[in-house]
């Protein structure tokens, strides 16, 4: 599902999405195709569920966004060893 459709389906909500297709440019990752895992009114509820899912499935590309955002983007930060 595209971000525009997510925003249309669950307006003014916090969503956990699983990314299926992403692009990166200039340290900005854009989530192009995604599935909504769950939606919430409260940040802490979303964070609690995110941590539970991530612990069980760390390989999934999960993100938390608020649907008031125009784009589903995150700033990429890389750890230096």
PDB file of N, CA and C in Angstrom:
ATOM      1  N   UNK A   1       0.849  -1.173   0.000  1.00  0.00           N
ATOM      2  CA  UNK A   1       0.000   0.000   0.000  1.00  0.00           C
ATOM      3  C   UNK A   1       0.898   1.241   0.000  1.00  0.00           C
ATOM      4  N   UNK A   2       0.492   2.242  -0.704  1.00  0.00           N
ATOM      5  CA  UNK A   2       1.223   3.507  -0.751  1.00  0.00           C
ATOM      6  C   UNK A   2       0.852   4.358   0.467  1.00  0.00           C
ATOM      7  N   UNK A   3       1.745   5.271   0.844  1.00  0.00           N
ATOM      8  CA  UNK A   3       1.537   6.134   1.999  1.00  0.00           C
ATOM      9  C   UNK A   3       0.268   6.974   1.849  1.00  0.00           C
ATOM     10  N   UNK A   4      -0.001   7.454   0.663  1.00  0.00           N
ATOM     11  CA  UNK A   4      -1.211   8.264   0.455  1.00  0.00           C
ATOM     12  C   UNK A   4      -2.471   7.473   0.809  1.00  0.00           C
ATOM     13  N   UNK A   5      -2.467   6.185   0.510  1.00  0.00           N
ATOM     14  CA  UNK A   5      -3.624   5.332   0.833  1.00  0.00           C
ATOM     15  C   UNK A   5      -3.702   5.068   2.339  1.00  0.00           C
ATOM     16  N   UNK A   6      -2.549   4.884   2.976  1.00  0.00           N
ATOM     17  CA  UNK A   6      -2.529   4.714   4.437  1.00  0.00           C
ATOM     18  C   UNK A   6      -3.138   5.948   5.091  1.00  0.00           C
ATOM     19  N   UNK A   7      -2.705   7.125   4.658  1.00  0.00           N
ATOM     20  CA  UNK A   7      -3.224   8.377   5.231  1.00  0.00           C
ATOM     21  C   UNK A   7      -4.726   8.509   5.022  1.00  0.00           C
ATOM     22  N   UNK A   8      -5.197   8.061   3.895  1.00  0.00           N
ATOM     23  CA  UNK A   8      -6.625   8.122   3.586  1.00  0.00           C
ATOM     24  C   UNK A   8      -7.417   7.144   4.465  1.00  0.00           C
ATOM     25  N   UNK A   9      -6.868   5.950   4.664  1.00  0.00           N
ATOM     26  CA  UNK A   9      -7.569   4.905   5.419  1.00  0.00           C
ATOM     27  C   UNK A   9      -7.569   5.135   6.925  1.00  0.00           C
ATOM     28  N   UNK A  10      -6.486   5.687   7.463  1.00  0.00           N
ATOM     29  CA  UNK A  10      -6.392   5.913   8.913  1.00  0.00           C
ATOM     30  C   UNK A  10      -5.890   7.330   9.197  1.00  0.00           C
ATOM     31  N   UNK A  11      -6.724   8.336   8.953  1.00  0.00           N
ATOM     32  CA  UNK A  11      -6.299   9.723   9.157  1.00  0.00           C
ATOM     33  C   UNK A  11      -6.073  10.039  10.642  1.00  0.00           C
ATOM     34  N   UNK A  12      -5.088  10.900  10.890  1.00  0.00           N
ATOM     35  CA  UNK A  12      -4.776  11.381  12.243  1.00  0.00           C
ATOM     36  C   UNK A  12      -4.556  10.257  13.248  1.00  0.00           C
ATOM     37  N   UNK A  13      -3.804   9.259  12.820  1.00  0.00           N
ATOM     38  CA  UNK A  13      -3.481   8.138  13.705  1.00  0.00           C
ATOM     39  C   UNK A  13      -1.980   7.878  13.644  1.00  0.00           C
ATOM     40  N   UNK A  14      -1.508   7.175  14.631  1.00  0.00           N
ATOM     41  CA  UNK A  14      -0.143   6.681  14.656  1.00  0.00           C
ATOM     42  C   UNK A  14      -0.204   5.257  14.121  1.00  0.00           C
ATOM     43  N   UNK A  15       0.666   4.939  13.171  1.00  0.00           N
ATOM     44  CA  UNK A  15       0.632   3.610  12.572  1.00  0.00           C
ATOM     45  C   UNK A  15       1.994   2.923  12.669  1.00  0.00           C
ATOM     46  N   UNK A  16       1.950   1.622  12.840  1.00  0.00           N
ATOM     47  CA  UNK A  16       3.139   0.788  12.661  1.00  0.00           C
ATOM     48  C   UNK A  16       2.984   0.176  11.288  1.00  0.00           C
ATOM     49  N   UNK A  17       4.015   0.356  10.453  1.00  0.00           N
ATOM     50  CA  UNK A  17       3.978  -0.219   9.119  1.00  0.00           C
ATOM     51  C   UNK A  17       5.174  -1.147   8.922  1.00  0.00           C
ATOM     52  N   UNK A  18       4.982  -2.130   8.076  1.00  0.00           N
ATOM     53  CA  UNK A  18       6.088  -2.969   7.632  1.00  0.00           C
ATOM     54  C   UNK A  18       6.415  -2.550   6.209  1.00  0.00           C
ATOM     55  N   UNK A  19       7.670  -2.177   5.986  1.00  0.00           N
ATOM     56  CA  UNK A  19       8.106  -1.717   4.669  1.00  0.00           C
ATOM     57  C   UNK A  19       8.397  -2.902   3.760  1.00  0.00           C
ATOM     58  N   UNK A  20       7.883  -2.837   2.536  1.00  0.00           N
ATOM     59  CA  UNK A  20       8.158  -3.858   1.531  1.00  0.00           C
ATOM     60  C   UNK A  20       9.048  -3.332   0.421  1.00  0.00           C
ATOM     61  N   UNK A  21       8.999  -2.029   0.182  1.00  0.00           N
ATOM     62  CA  UNK A  21       9.831  -1.415  -0.851  1.00  0.00           C
ATOM     63  C   UNK A  21      10.267  -0.043  -0.359  1.00  0.00           C
ATOM     64  N   UNK A  22      11.582   0.197  -0.351  1.00  0.00           N
ATOM     65  CA  UNK A  22      12.118   1.478   0.095  1.00  0.00           C
ATOM     66  C   UNK A  22      13.156   1.968  -0.906  1.00  0.00           C
ATOM     67  N   UNK A  23      13.382   3.270  -0.889  1.00  0.00           N
ATOM     68  CA  UNK A  23      14.479   3.866  -1.647  1.00  0.00           C
ATOM     69  C   UNK A  23      15.226   4.806  -0.716  1.00  0.00           C
ATOM     70  N   UNK A  24      16.515   4.953  -0.978  1.00  0.00           N
ATOM     71  CA  UNK A  24      17.338   5.853  -0.170  1.00  0.00           C
ATOM     72  C   UNK A  24      18.069   6.823  -1.086  1.00  0.00           C
ATOM     73  N   UNK A  25      18.037   8.091  -0.678  1.00  0.00           N
ATOM     74  CA  UNK A  25      18.746   9.120  -1.423  1.00  0.00           C
ATOM     75  C   UNK A  25      19.129  10.231  -0.462  1.00  0.00           C
ATOM     76  N   UNK A  26      20.399  10.585  -0.461  1.00  0.00           N
ATOM     77  CA  UNK A  26      20.918  11.650   0.407  1.00  0.00           C
ATOM     78  C   UNK A  26      20.560  11.419   1.877  1.00  0.00           C
ATOM     79  N   UNK A  27      20.728  10.184   2.326  1.00  0.00           N
ATOM     80  CA  UNK A  27      20.493   9.787   3.716  1.00  0.00           C
ATOM     81  C   UNK A  27      19.030   9.893   4.154  1.00  0.00           C
ATOM     82  N   UNK A  28      18.120   9.887   3.184  1.00  0.00           N
ATOM     83  CA  UNK A  28      16.687   9.878   3.493  1.00  0.00           C
ATOM     84  C   UNK A  28      16.102   8.605   2.896  1.00  0.00           C
ATOM     85  N   UNK A  29      15.522   7.781   3.756  1.00  0.00           N
ATOM     86  CA  UNK A  29      14.868   6.547   3.300  1.00  0.00           C
ATOM     87  C   UNK A  29      13.381   6.825   3.149  1.00  0.00           C
ATOM     88  N   UNK A  30      12.861   6.523   1.974  1.00  0.00           N
ATOM     89  CA  UNK A  30      11.441   6.691   1.685  1.00  0.00           C
ATOM     90  C   UNK A  30      10.802   5.312   1.606  1.00  0.00           C
ATOM     91  N   UNK A  31       9.709   5.149   2.326  1.00  0.00           N
ATOM     92  CA  UNK A  31       8.972   3.887   2.314  1.00  0.00           C
ATOM     93  C   UNK A  31       7.940   4.002   1.198  1.00  0.00           C
ATOM     94  N   UNK A  32       8.130   3.218   0.139  1.00  0.00           N
ATOM     95  CA  UNK A  32       7.256   3.303  -1.038  1.00  0.00           C
ATOM     96  C   UNK A  32       6.048   2.382  -0.955  1.00  0.00           C
ATOM     97  N   UNK A  33       6.261   1.156  -0.514  1.00  0.00           N
ATOM     98  CA  UNK A  33       5.176   0.194  -0.369  1.00  0.00           C
ATOM     99  C   UNK A  33       5.234  -0.385   1.036  1.00  0.00           C
ATOM    100  N   UNK A  34       4.072  -0.485   1.667  1.00  0.00           N
ATOM    101  CA  UNK A  34       4.029  -0.911   3.062  1.00  0.00           C
ATOM    102  C   UNK A  34       2.701  -1.565   3.381  1.00  0.00           C
ATOM    103  N   UNK A  35       2.679  -2.227   4.523  1.00  0.00           N
ATOM    104  CA  UNK A  35       1.437  -2.777   5.080  1.00  0.00           C
ATOM    105  C   UNK A  35       1.271  -2.201   6.472  1.00  0.00           C
ATOM    106  N   UNK A  36       0.070  -1.798   6.799  1.00  0.00           N
ATOM    107  CA  UNK A  36      -0.214  -1.303   8.144  1.00  0.00           C
ATOM    108  C   UNK A  36      -0.377  -2.508   9.062  1.00  0.00           C
ATOM    109  N   UNK A  37       0.446  -2.545  10.101  1.00  0.00           N
ATOM    110  CA  UNK A  37       0.368  -3.618  11.087  1.00  0.00           C
ATOM    111  C   UNK A  37      -0.705  -3.299  12.126  1.00  0.00           C
ATOM    112  N   UNK A  38      -0.711  -2.038  12.585  1.00  0.00           N
ATOM    113  CA  UNK A  38      -1.690  -1.612  13.579  1.00  0.00           C
ATOM    114  C   UNK A  38      -1.728  -0.091  13.619  1.00  0.00           C
ATOM    115  N   UNK A  39      -2.805   0.454  14.174  1.00  0.00           N
ATOM    116  CA  UNK A  39      -2.895   1.914  14.324  1.00  0.00           C
ATOM    117  C   UNK A  39      -3.339   2.266  15.745  1.00  0.00           C
ATOM    118  N   UNK A  40      -2.949   3.471  16.175  1.00  0.00           N
ATOM    119  CA  UNK A  40      -3.107   3.881  17.575  1.00  0.00           C
ATOM    120  C   UNK A  40      -3.433   5.366  17.674  1.00  0.00           C
ATOM    121  N   UNK A  41      -3.962   5.727  18.823  1.00  0.00           N
ATOM    122  CA  UNK A  41      -4.125   7.136  19.166  1.00  0.00           C
ATOM    123  C   UNK A  41      -2.967   7.630  20.027  1.00  0.00           C
ATOM    124  N   UNK A  42      -2.362   6.745  20.792  1.00  0.00           N
ATOM    125  CA  UNK A  42      -1.320   7.125  21.757  1.00  0.00           C
ATOM    126  C   UNK A  42       0.056   6.606  21.351  1.00  0.00           C
ATOM    127  N   UNK A  43       1.069   7.483  21.461  1.00  0.00           N
ATOM    128  CA  UNK A  43       2.450   7.126  21.126  1.00  0.00           C
ATOM    129  C   UNK A  43       2.947   5.918  21.902  1.00  0.00           C
ATOM    130  N   UNK A  44       2.717   5.909  23.191  1.00  0.00           N
ATOM    131  CA  UNK A  44       3.256   4.835  24.031  1.00  0.00           C
ATOM    132  C   UNK A  44       2.637   3.482  23.695  1.00  0.00           C
ATOM    133  N   UNK A  45       1.385   3.476  23.300  1.00  0.00           N
ATOM    134  CA  UNK A  45       0.760   2.217  22.878  1.00  0.00           C
ATOM    135  C   UNK A  45       1.437   1.689  21.621  1.00  0.00           C
ATOM    136  N   UNK A  46       1.694   2.577  20.670  1.00  0.00           N
ATOM    137  CA  UNK A  46       2.372   2.182  19.435  1.00  0.00           C
ATOM    138  C   UNK A  46       3.777   1.672  19.730  1.00  0.00           C
ATOM    139  N   UNK A  47       4.493   2.389  20.575  1.00  0.00           N
ATOM    140  CA  UNK A  47       5.862   2.004  20.915  1.00  0.00           C
ATOM    141  C   UNK A  47       5.888   0.640  21.607  1.00  0.00           C
ATOM    142  N   UNK A  48       4.963   0.378  22.485  1.00  0.00           N
ATOM    143  CA  UNK A  48       4.893  -0.903  23.205  1.00  0.00           C
ATOM    144  C   UNK A  48       4.686  -2.063  22.220  1.00  0.00           C
ATOM    145  N   UNK A  49       3.769  -1.898  21.294  1.00  0.00           N
ATOM    146  CA  UNK A  49       3.498  -2.944  20.308  1.00  0.00           C
ATOM    147  C   UNK A  49       4.689  -3.099  19.353  1.00  0.00           C
ATOM    148  N   UNK A  50       5.288  -1.986  18.943  1.00  0.00           N
ATOM    149  CA  UNK A  50       6.467  -2.037  18.073  1.00  0.00           C
ATOM    150  C   UNK A  50       7.568  -2.882  18.718  1.00  0.00           C
ATOM    151  N   UNK A  51       7.863  -2.618  19.989  1.00  0.00           N
ATOM    152  CA  UNK A  51       8.929  -3.357  20.668  1.00  0.00           C
ATOM    153  C   UNK A  51       8.616  -4.847  20.747  1.00  0.00           C
ATOM    154  N   UNK A  52       7.368  -5.183  20.996  1.00  0.00           N
ATOM    155  CA  UNK A  52       6.964  -6.590  21.083  1.00  0.00           C
ATOM    156  C   UNK A  52       7.140  -7.289  19.736  1.00  0.00           C
ATOM    157  N   UNK A  53       6.665  -6.663  18.665  1.00  0.00           N
ATOM    158  CA  UNK A  53       6.785  -7.259  17.329  1.00  0.00           C
ATOM    159  C   UNK A  53       8.252  -7.351  16.927  1.00  0.00           C
ATOM    160  N   UNK A  54       9.017  -6.285  17.165  1.00  0.00           N
ATOM    161  CA  UNK A  54      10.428  -6.271  16.781  1.00  0.00           C
ATOM    162  C   UNK A  54      11.224  -7.348  17.521  1.00  0.00           C
ATOM    163  N   UNK A  55      10.889  -7.563  18.774  1.00  0.00           N
ATOM    164  CA  UNK A  55      11.582  -8.596  19.556  1.00  0.00           C
ATOM    165  C   UNK A  55      11.315  -9.987  18.961  1.00  0.00           C
ATOM    166  N   UNK A  56      10.092 -10.217  18.511  1.00  0.00           N
ATOM    167  CA  UNK A  56       9.725 -11.512  17.945  1.00  0.00           C
ATOM    168  C   UNK A  56      10.218 -11.676  16.500  1.00  0.00           C
ATOM    169  N   UNK A  57      10.295 -10.574  15.769  1.00  0.00           N
ATOM    170  CA  UNK A  57      10.655 -10.607  14.342  1.00  0.00           C
ATOM    171  C   UNK A  57      11.622  -9.473  14.006  1.00  0.00           C
ATOM    172  N   UNK A  58      12.870  -9.536  14.478  1.00  0.00           N
ATOM    173  CA  UNK A  58      13.807  -8.424  14.271  1.00  0.00           C
ATOM    174  C   UNK A  58      14.168  -8.183  12.806  1.00  0.00           C
ATOM    175  N   UNK A  59      13.894  -9.147  11.936  1.00  0.00           N
ATOM    176  CA  UNK A  59      14.234  -8.985  10.522  1.00  0.00           C
ATOM    177  C   UNK A  59      13.228  -8.118   9.760  1.00  0.00           C
ATOM    178  N   UNK A  60      12.067  -7.874  10.341  1.00  0.00           N
ATOM    179  CA  UNK A  60      11.044  -7.062   9.670  1.00  0.00           C
ATOM    180  C   UNK A  60      11.446  -5.591   9.667  1.00  0.00           C
ATOM    181  N   UNK A  61      11.155  -4.924   8.571  1.00  0.00           N
ATOM    182  CA  UNK A  61      11.411  -3.485   8.461  1.00  0.00           C
ATOM    183  C   UNK A  61      10.213  -2.719   8.978  1.00  0.00           C
ATOM    184  N   UNK A  62      10.177  -2.501  10.284  1.00  0.00           N
ATOM    185  CA  UNK A  62       9.045  -1.828  10.921  1.00  0.00           C
ATOM    186  C   UNK A  62       9.347  -0.359  11.166  1.00  0.00           C
ATOM    187  N   UNK A  63       8.318   0.459  11.013  1.00  0.00           N
ATOM    188  CA  UNK A  63       8.442   1.899  11.245  1.00  0.00           C
ATOM    189  C   UNK A  63       7.172   2.386  11.924  1.00  0.00           C
ATOM    190  N   UNK A  64       7.323   3.468  12.688  1.00  0.00           N
ATOM    191  CA  UNK A  64       6.179   4.138  13.299  1.00  0.00           C
ATOM    192  C   UNK A  64       6.083   5.535  12.687  1.00  0.00           C
ATOM    193  N   UNK A  65       4.904   5.869  12.193  1.00  0.00           N
ATOM    194  CA  UNK A  65       4.654   7.190  11.614  1.00  0.00           C
ATOM    195  C   UNK A  65       3.310   7.718  12.105  1.00  0.00           C
ATOM    196  N   UNK A  66       3.164   9.029  12.053  1.00  0.00           N
ATOM    197  CA  UNK A  66       1.842   9.632  12.248  1.00  0.00           C
ATOM    198  C   UNK A  66       1.311   9.988  10.872  1.00  0.00           C
ATOM    199  N   UNK A  67       0.049   9.696  10.626  1.00  0.00           N
ATOM    200  CA  UNK A  67      -0.505   9.896   9.289  1.00  0.00           C
ATOM    201  C   UNK A  67      -0.713  11.364   8.923  1.00  0.00           C
ATOM    202  N   UNK A  68      -0.401  12.271   9.822  1.00  0.00           N
ATOM    203  CA  UNK A  68      -0.430  13.685   9.455  1.00  0.00           C
ATOM    204  C   UNK A  68       0.815  14.060   8.637  1.00  0.00           C
ATOM    205  N   UNK A  69       1.845  13.199   8.640  1.00  0.00           N
ATOM    206  CA  UNK A  69       3.050  13.446   7.839  1.00  0.00           C
ATOM    207  C   UNK A  69       2.736  13.286   6.360  1.00  0.00           C
ATOM    208  N   UNK A  70       3.251  14.206   5.557  1.00  0.00           N
ATOM    209  CA  UNK A  70       3.033  14.152   4.114  1.00  0.00           C
ATOM    210  C   UNK A  70       3.693  12.935   3.478  1.00  0.00           C
ATOM    211  N   UNK A  71       4.866  12.552   3.995  1.00  0.00           N
ATOM    212  CA  UNK A  71       5.637  11.462   3.412  1.00  0.00           C
ATOM    213  C   UNK A  71       6.049  10.465   4.483  1.00  0.00           C
ATOM    214  N   UNK A  72       6.261   9.237   4.050  1.00  0.00           N
ATOM    215  CA  UNK A  72       6.765   8.194   4.946  1.00  0.00           C
ATOM    216  C   UNK A  72       8.274   8.119   4.736  1.00  0.00           C
ATOM    217  N   UNK A  73       8.997   8.972   5.450  1.00  0.00           N
ATOM    218  CA  UNK A  73      10.447   9.086   5.294  1.00  0.00           C
ATOM    219  C   UNK A  73      11.127   9.076   6.653  1.00  0.00           C
ATOM    220  N   UNK A  74      12.350   8.545   6.656  1.00  0.00           N
ATOM    221  CA  UNK A  74      13.175   8.576   7.860  1.00  0.00           C
ATOM    222  C   UNK A  74      14.596   8.987   7.472  1.00  0.00           C
ATOM    223  N   UNK A  75      15.262   9.653   8.375  1.00  0.00           N
ATOM    224  CA  UNK A  75      16.670  10.016   8.175  1.00  0.00           C
ATOM    225  C   UNK A  75      17.522   8.806   8.526  1.00  0.00           C
ATOM    226  N   UNK A  76      18.381   8.411   7.619  1.00  0.00           N
ATOM    227  CA  UNK A  76      19.251   7.268   7.860  1.00  0.00           C
ATOM    228  C   UNK A  76      20.455   7.699   8.674  1.00  0.00           C
ATOM    229  N   UNK A  77      20.759   6.936   9.693  1.00  0.00           N
ATOM    230  CA  UNK A  77      21.952   7.160  10.499  1.00  0.00           C
ATOM    231  C   UNK A  77      22.679   5.834  10.596  1.00  0.00           C
ATOM    232  N   UNK A  78      23.961   5.863  10.324  1.00  0.00           N
ATOM    233  CA  UNK A  78      24.753   4.636  10.332  1.00  0.00           C
ATOM    234  C   UNK A  78      25.695   4.650  11.500  1.00  0.00           C
ATOM    235  N   UNK A  79      25.785   3.519  12.185  1.00  0.00           N
ATOM    236  CA  UNK A  79      26.698   3.378  13.313  1.00  0.00           C
ATOM    237  C   UNK A  79      28.123   3.213  12.799  1.00  0.00           C
ATOM    238  N   UNK A  80      29.024   3.909  13.440  1.00  0.00           N
ATOM    239  CA  UNK A  80      30.431   3.756  13.080  1.00  0.00           C
ATOM    240  C   UNK A  80      31.089   2.850  14.082  1.00  0.00           C
ATOM    241  N   UNK A  81      31.850   1.914  13.583  1.00  0.00           N
ATOM    242  CA  UNK A  81      32.524   0.950  14.468  1.00  0.00           C
ATOM    243  C   UNK A  81      33.938   1.385  14.735  1.00  0.00           C
TER     244      UNK A  81
END
